[in-house]
PDB file of N, CA and C in Angstrom:
ATOM      1  N   MET A   1      64.527 -18.587  18.359  1.00  0.00           N
ATOM      2  CA  MET A   1      65.468 -18.927  17.466  1.00  0.00           C
ATOM      3  C   MET A   1      64.623 -18.497  16.083  1.00  0.00           C
ATOM      4  N   LEU A   2      65.593 -18.100  15.243  1.00  0.00           N
ATOM      5  CA  LEU A   2      65.061 -17.755  13.843  1.00  0.00           C
ATOM      6  C   LEU A   2      65.777 -18.616  12.863  1.00  0.00           C
ATOM      7  N   GLY A   3      65.107 -19.034  12.009  1.00  0.00           N
ATOM      8  CA  GLY A   3      65.540 -19.955  10.917  1.00  0.00           C
ATOM      9  C   GLY A   3      65.331 -19.383   9.612  1.00  0.00           C
ATOM     10  N   ILE A   4      66.653 -19.610   8.774  1.00  0.00           N
ATOM     11  CA  ILE A   4      66.358 -18.984   7.358  1.00  0.00           C
ATOM     12  C   ILE A   4      66.930 -20.310   6.325  1.00  0.00           C
ATOM     13  N   ALA A   5      65.870 -20.295   5.649  1.00  0.00           N
ATOM     14  CA  ALA A   5      66.137 -21.585   4.575  1.00  0.00           C
ATOM     15  C   ALA A   5      66.497 -21.180   3.310  1.00  0.00           C
ATOM     16  N   ILE A   6      67.434 -21.772   2.705  1.00  0.00           N
ATOM     17  CA  ILE A   6      67.900 -21.582   1.137  1.00  0.00           C
ATOM     18  C   ILE A   6      67.707 -22.512   0.329  1.00  0.00           C
ATOM     19  N   PRO A   7      66.900 -22.729  -0.578  1.00  0.00           N
ATOM     20  CA  PRO A   7      66.661 -23.986  -1.225  1.00  0.00           C
ATOM     21  C   PRO A   7      67.804 -23.760  -2.319  1.00  0.00           C
ATOM     22  N   ALA A   8      68.720 -24.790  -3.207  1.00  0.00           N
ATOM     23  CA  ALA A   8      69.551 -24.637  -3.777  1.00  0.00           C
ATOM     24  C   ALA A   8      69.846 -26.047  -4.574  1.00  0.00           C
ATOM     25  N   HIS A   9      70.093 -25.872  -5.671  1.00  0.00           N
ATOM     26  CA  HIS A   9      70.777 -26.815  -7.062  1.00  0.00           C
ATOM     27  C   HIS A   9      71.224 -26.238  -7.588  1.00  0.00           C
ATOM     28  N   ASN A  10      72.482 -27.014  -7.568  1.00  0.00           N
ATOM     29  CA  ASN A  10      73.933 -26.284  -8.327  1.00  0.00           C
ATOM     30  C   ASN A  10      74.026 -24.758  -8.374  1.00  0.00           C
ATOM     31  N   GLU A  11      74.372 -24.384  -7.402  1.00  0.00           N
ATOM     32  CA  GLU A  11      74.203 -23.012  -7.138  1.00  0.00           C
ATOM     33  C   GLU A  11      75.785 -22.688  -6.688  1.00  0.00           C
ATOM     34  N   GLU A  12      76.768 -23.393  -6.829  1.00  0.00           N
ATOM     35  CA  GLU A  12      78.336 -22.823  -6.060  1.00  0.00           C
ATOM     36  C   GLU A  12      78.661 -21.378  -6.846  1.00  0.00           C
ATOM     37  N   GLU A  13      77.950 -20.999  -7.320  1.00  0.00           N
ATOM     38  CA  GLU A  13      78.431 -19.778  -7.822  1.00  0.00           C
ATOM     39  C   GLU A  13      77.959 -18.910  -7.119  1.00  0.00           C
ATOM     40  N   HIS A  14      76.766 -19.012  -6.184  1.00  0.00           N
ATOM     41  CA  HIS A  14      75.738 -17.967  -5.854  1.00  0.00           C
ATOM     42  C   HIS A  14      75.969 -18.203  -4.240  1.00  0.00           C
ATOM     43  N   ILE A  15      76.061 -19.025  -3.938  1.00  0.00           N
ATOM     44  CA  ILE A  15      75.591 -19.872  -2.537  1.00  0.00           C
ATOM     45  C   ILE A  15      76.161 -18.863  -1.332  1.00  0.00           C
ATOM     46  N   ALA A  16      77.378 -18.735  -1.619  1.00  0.00           N
ATOM     47  CA  ALA A  16      78.598 -18.096  -0.512  1.00  0.00           C
ATOM     48  C   ALA A  16      77.853 -16.425  -0.270  1.00  0.00           C
ATOM     49  N   ALA A  17      77.689 -16.066  -1.287  1.00  0.00           N
ATOM     50  CA  ALA A  17      76.821 -14.742  -0.907  1.00  0.00           C
ATOM     51  C   ALA A  17      75.748 -14.653  -0.752  1.00  0.00           C
ATOM     52  N   ALA A  18      74.365 -15.734  -0.950  1.00  0.00           N
ATOM     53  CA  ALA A  18      73.124 -15.904  -0.436  1.00  0.00           C
ATOM     54  C   ALA A  18      73.540 -16.296   0.953  1.00  0.00           C
ATOM     55  N   VAL A  19      74.192 -17.043   1.173  1.00  0.00           N
ATOM     56  CA  VAL A  19      74.457 -17.504   2.796  1.00  0.00           C
ATOM     57  C   VAL A  19      74.754 -16.234   3.988  1.00  0.00           C
ATOM     58  N   ALA A  20      75.898 -15.644   2.962  1.00  0.00           N
ATOM     59  CA  ALA A  20      76.381 -14.182   3.756  1.00  0.00           C
ATOM     60  C   ALA A  20      75.141 -13.330   3.975  1.00  0.00           C
ATOM     61  N   ALA A  21      74.693 -12.894   3.024  1.00  0.00           N
ATOM     62  CA  ALA A  21      73.204 -12.221   3.116  1.00  0.00           C
ATOM     63  C   ALA A  21      72.566 -12.694   4.126  1.00  0.00           C
ATOM     64  N   ALA A  22      72.012 -13.864   4.059  1.00  0.00           N
ATOM     65  CA  ALA A  22      71.032 -14.196   5.647  1.00  0.00           C
ATOM     66  C   ALA A  22      71.827 -14.418   6.637  1.00  0.00           C
ATOM     67  N   ILE A  23      73.123 -14.675   6.845  1.00  0.00           N
ATOM     68  CA  ILE A  23      73.670 -14.003   8.219  1.00  0.00           C
ATOM     69  C   ILE A  23      73.491 -12.820   8.332  1.00  0.00           C
ATOM     70  N   SER A  24      73.743 -11.926   7.859  1.00  0.00           N
ATOM     71  CA  SER A  24      73.809 -10.611   7.692  1.00  0.00           C
ATOM     72  C   SER A  24      72.280 -10.136   8.349  1.00  0.00           C
ATOM     73  N   ALA A  25      71.300 -10.468   7.667  1.00  0.00           N
ATOM     74  CA  ALA A  25      69.969 -10.410   8.092  1.00  0.00           C
ATOM     75  C   ALA A  25      69.517 -10.995   9.306  1.00  0.00           C
ATOM     76  N   GLY A  26      69.740 -11.744   9.392  1.00  0.00           N
ATOM     77  CA  GLY A  26      69.937 -12.659  10.820  1.00  0.00           C
ATOM     78  C   GLY A  26      70.364 -12.073  12.277  1.00  0.00           C
ATOM     79  N   ARG A  27      71.487 -10.874  11.613  1.00  0.00           N
ATOM     80  CA  ARG A  27      72.187 -10.241  13.101  1.00  0.00           C
ATOM     81  C   ARG A  27      71.258  -8.707  13.121  1.00  0.00           C
ATOM     82  N   HIS A  28      70.415  -8.607  12.300  1.00  0.00           N
ATOM     83  CA  HIS A  28      69.662  -7.151  12.072  1.00  0.00           C
ATOM     84  C   HIS A  28      69.879  -6.434  13.568  1.00  0.00           C
ATOM     85  N   ALA A  29      69.404  -5.652  14.260  1.00  0.00           N
ATOM     86  CA  ALA A  29      69.519  -5.243  15.347  1.00  0.00           C
ATOM     87  C   ALA A  29      68.016  -5.334  15.658  1.00  0.00           C
ATOM     88  N   SER A  30      67.132  -5.151  14.838  1.00  0.00           N
ATOM     89  CA  SER A  30      65.830  -5.274  15.540  1.00  0.00           C
ATOM     90  C   SER A  30      65.496  -6.508  15.664  1.00  0.00           C
ATOM     91  N   LEU A  31      66.282  -7.721  15.623  1.00  0.00           N
ATOM     92  CA  LEU A  31      65.648  -8.974  15.957  1.00  0.00           C
ATOM     93  C   LEU A  31      66.318  -9.235  17.622  1.00  0.00           C
ATOM     94  N   GLY A  32      67.131  -8.160  18.002  1.00  0.00           N
ATOM     95  CA  GLY A  32      67.535  -7.923  19.317  1.00  0.00           C
ATOM     96  C   GLY A  32      68.291  -9.074  19.798  1.00  0.00           C
ATOM     97  N   GLY A  33      69.105  -9.747  19.011  1.00  0.00           N
ATOM     98  CA  GLY A  33      70.193 -10.742  19.414  1.00  0.00           C
ATOM     99  C   GLY A  33      69.545 -12.126  19.466  1.00  0.00           C
ATOM    100  N   GLU A  34      68.207 -12.092  18.572  1.00  0.00           N
ATOM    101  CA  GLU A  34      67.632 -13.420  18.787  1.00  0.00           C
ATOM    102  C   GLU A  34      68.873 -14.189  17.877  1.00  0.00           C
ATOM    103  N   PRO A  35      68.766 -15.878  18.291  1.00  0.00           N
ATOM    104  CA  PRO A  35      69.832 -16.960  17.269  1.00  0.00           C
ATOM    105  C   PRO A  35      69.299 -16.776  16.210  1.00  0.00           C
ATOM    106  N   CYS A  36      69.996 -17.038  15.122  1.00  0.00           N
ATOM    107  CA  CYS A  36      69.819 -17.332  13.958  1.00  0.00           C
ATOM    108  C   CYS A  36      70.065 -18.909  13.230  1.00  0.00           C
ATOM    109  N   GLU A  37      69.801 -19.657  12.691  1.00  0.00           N
ATOM    110  CA  GLU A  37      70.598 -20.615  11.826  1.00  0.00           C
ATOM    111  C   GLU A  37      70.375 -20.412  10.509  1.00  0.00           C
ATOM    112  N   VAL A  38      70.938 -20.407   9.527  1.00  0.00           N
ATOM    113  CA  VAL A  38      70.696 -20.914   8.163  1.00  0.00           C
ATOM    114  C   VAL A  38      71.104 -22.167   7.638  1.00  0.00           C
ATOM    115  N   VAL A  39      69.965 -22.641   7.011  1.00  0.00           N
ATOM    116  CA  VAL A  39      70.211 -24.014   6.543  1.00  0.00           C
ATOM    117  C   VAL A  39      69.912 -23.780   4.693  1.00  0.00           C
ATOM    118  N   VAL A  40      70.799 -24.578   4.648  1.00  0.00           N
ATOM    119  CA  VAL A  40      70.642 -24.816   2.659  1.00  0.00           C
ATOM    120  C   VAL A  40      69.983 -25.835   2.700  1.00  0.00           C
ATOM    121  N   ALA A  41      69.362 -26.040   1.696  1.00  0.00           N
ATOM    122  CA  ALA A  41      68.544 -27.442   1.201  1.00  0.00           C
ATOM    123  C   ALA A  41      69.079 -27.606  -0.140  1.00  0.00           C
ATOM    124  N   LEU A  42      69.949 -28.653  -0.219  1.00  0.00           N
ATOM    125  CA  LEU A  42      70.809 -29.039  -1.403  1.00  0.00           C
ATOM    126  C   LEU A  42      69.840 -29.844  -2.164  1.00  0.00           C
ATOM    127  N   ASP A  43      69.158 -29.754  -3.306  1.00  0.00           N
ATOM    128  CA  ASP A  43      68.195 -30.362  -4.169  1.00  0.00           C
ATOM    129  C   ASP A  43      69.348 -30.714  -5.035  1.00  0.00           C
ATOM    130  N   ALA A  44      69.768 -32.147  -4.936  1.00  0.00           N
ATOM    131  CA  ALA A  44      70.334 -33.234  -5.684  1.00  0.00           C
ATOM    132  C   ALA A  44      71.588 -32.438  -6.678  1.00  0.00           C
ATOM    133  N   CYS A  45      72.679 -31.388  -5.603  1.00  0.00           N
ATOM    134  CA  CYS A  45      73.488 -30.982  -6.098  1.00  0.00           C
ATOM    135  C   CYS A  45      74.506 -32.048  -6.755  1.00  0.00           C
ATOM    136  N   THR A  46      75.180 -31.441  -7.884  1.00  0.00           N
ATOM    137  CA  THR A  46      76.236 -32.328  -8.419  1.00  0.00           C
ATOM    138  C   THR A  46      77.611 -31.735  -8.167  1.00  0.00           C
ATOM    139  N   ASP A  47      77.713 -29.834  -7.907  1.00  0.00           N
ATOM    140  CA  ASP A  47      78.703 -29.293  -7.631  1.00  0.00           C
ATOM    141  C   ASP A  47      79.015 -29.185  -6.574  1.00  0.00           C
ATOM    142  N   ALA A  48      79.778 -28.142  -6.080  1.00  0.00           N
ATOM    143  CA  ALA A  48      80.690 -27.544  -4.885  1.00  0.00           C
ATOM    144  C   ALA A  48      79.441 -26.951  -3.950  1.00  0.00           C
ATOM    145  N   THR A  49      78.468 -26.584  -4.062  1.00  0.00           N
ATOM    146  CA  THR A  49      77.497 -26.057  -3.350  1.00  0.00           C
ATOM    147  C   THR A  49      77.231 -26.414  -1.989  1.00  0.00           C
ATOM    148  N   GLY A  50      76.822 -27.509  -1.443  1.00  0.00           N
ATOM    149  CA  GLY A  50      77.218 -27.684  -0.234  1.00  0.00           C
ATOM    150  C   GLY A  50      78.268 -27.354   0.573  1.00  0.00           C
ATOM    151  N   VAL A  51      79.452 -27.806  -0.265  1.00  0.00           N
ATOM    152  CA  VAL A  51      80.893 -27.391   0.663  1.00  0.00           C
ATOM    153  C   VAL A  51      81.123 -25.773   0.633  1.00  0.00           C
ATOM    154  N   LEU A  52      80.878 -25.086  -0.173  1.00  0.00           N
ATOM    155  CA  LEU A  52      80.795 -23.534  -0.147  1.00  0.00           C
ATOM    156  C   LEU A  52      79.717 -23.211   1.053  1.00  0.00           C
ATOM    157  N   ALA A  53      78.629 -23.582   0.888  1.00  0.00           N
ATOM    158  CA  ALA A  53      77.574 -23.597   1.952  1.00  0.00           C
ATOM    159  C   ALA A  53      78.069 -23.528   3.546  1.00  0.00           C
ATOM    160  N   ARG A  54      78.411 -24.628   3.712  1.00  0.00           N
ATOM    161  CA  ARG A  54      79.028 -24.975   4.868  1.00  0.00           C
ATOM    162  C   ARG A  54      80.069 -23.984   5.213  1.00  0.00           C
ATOM    163  N   ALA A  55      80.924 -23.779   4.258  1.00  0.00           N
ATOM    164  CA  ALA A  55      82.223 -22.883   4.589  1.00  0.00           C
ATOM    165  C   ALA A  55      81.694 -21.440   4.983  1.00  0.00           C
ATOM    166  N   ALA A  56      80.718 -21.120   4.471  1.00  0.00           N
ATOM    167  CA  ALA A  56      80.009 -19.791   4.739  1.00  0.00           C
ATOM    168  C   ALA A  56      79.494 -19.619   5.999  1.00  0.00           C
ATOM    169  N   GLY A  57      79.444 -20.964   6.648  1.00  0.00           N
ATOM    170  CA  GLY A  57      78.308 -20.794   7.775  1.00  0.00           C
ATOM    171  C   GLY A  57      76.982 -21.419   7.926  1.00  0.00           C
ATOM    172  N   ALA A  58      76.668 -22.168   6.959  1.00  0.00           N
ATOM    173  CA  ALA A  58      75.283 -22.514   6.862  1.00  0.00           C
ATOM    174  C   ALA A  58      75.490 -23.975   7.226  1.00  0.00           C
ATOM    175  N   ARG A  59      74.181 -24.494   7.927  1.00  0.00           N
ATOM    176  CA  ARG A  59      74.114 -26.266   7.904  1.00  0.00           C
ATOM    177  C   ARG A  59      73.470 -26.552   6.636  1.00  0.00           C
ATOM    178  N   THR A  60      73.615 -27.702   5.976  1.00  0.00           N
ATOM    179  CA  THR A  60      73.306 -28.321   4.958  1.00  0.00           C
ATOM    180  C   THR A  60      72.398 -29.534   5.302  1.00  0.00           C
ATOM    181  N   VAL A  61      71.138 -29.866   4.592  1.00  0.00           N
ATOM    182  CA  VAL A  61      70.561 -30.732   4.270  1.00  0.00           C
ATOM    183  C   VAL A  61      70.317 -31.193   2.826  1.00  0.00           C
ATOM    184  N   GLU A  62      70.159 -32.614   2.781  1.00  0.00           N
ATOM    185  CA  GLU A  62      70.368 -32.985   1.055  1.00  0.00           C
ATOM    186  C   GLU A  62      69.001 -33.428   1.198  1.00  0.00           C
ATOM    187  N   VAL A  63      68.353 -33.167   0.083  1.00  0.00           N
ATOM    188  CA  VAL A  63      67.103 -33.391  -0.433  1.00  0.00           C
ATOM    189  C   VAL A  63      66.977 -33.740  -1.981  1.00  0.00           C
ATOM    190  N   ASP A  64      65.800 -34.594  -2.262  1.00  0.00           N
ATOM    191  CA  ASP A  64      65.792 -34.612  -3.597  1.00  0.00           C
ATOM    192  C   ASP A  64      64.323 -34.697  -3.940  1.00  0.00           C
ATOM    193  N   ALA A  65      64.171 -33.283  -4.363  1.00  0.00           N
ATOM    194  CA  ALA A  65      62.569 -32.810  -4.721  1.00  0.00           C
ATOM    195  C   ALA A  65      62.319 -32.927  -5.723  1.00  0.00           C
TER     196      ALA A  65
END
């Protein structure tokens, strides 16, 4: 399994595109169909970053770094 981690702090304007790009990269033919999971690390977000990341297909985890 391939994992792609995206750190984010109040990135609601950009997170959907970032998740989409990561998912696309994870489907690259050179990976031979290897499963890929995108995880967004929400660093004390106070906006809709988490909601939008999940809607785009990522799993989210809350951190306070």
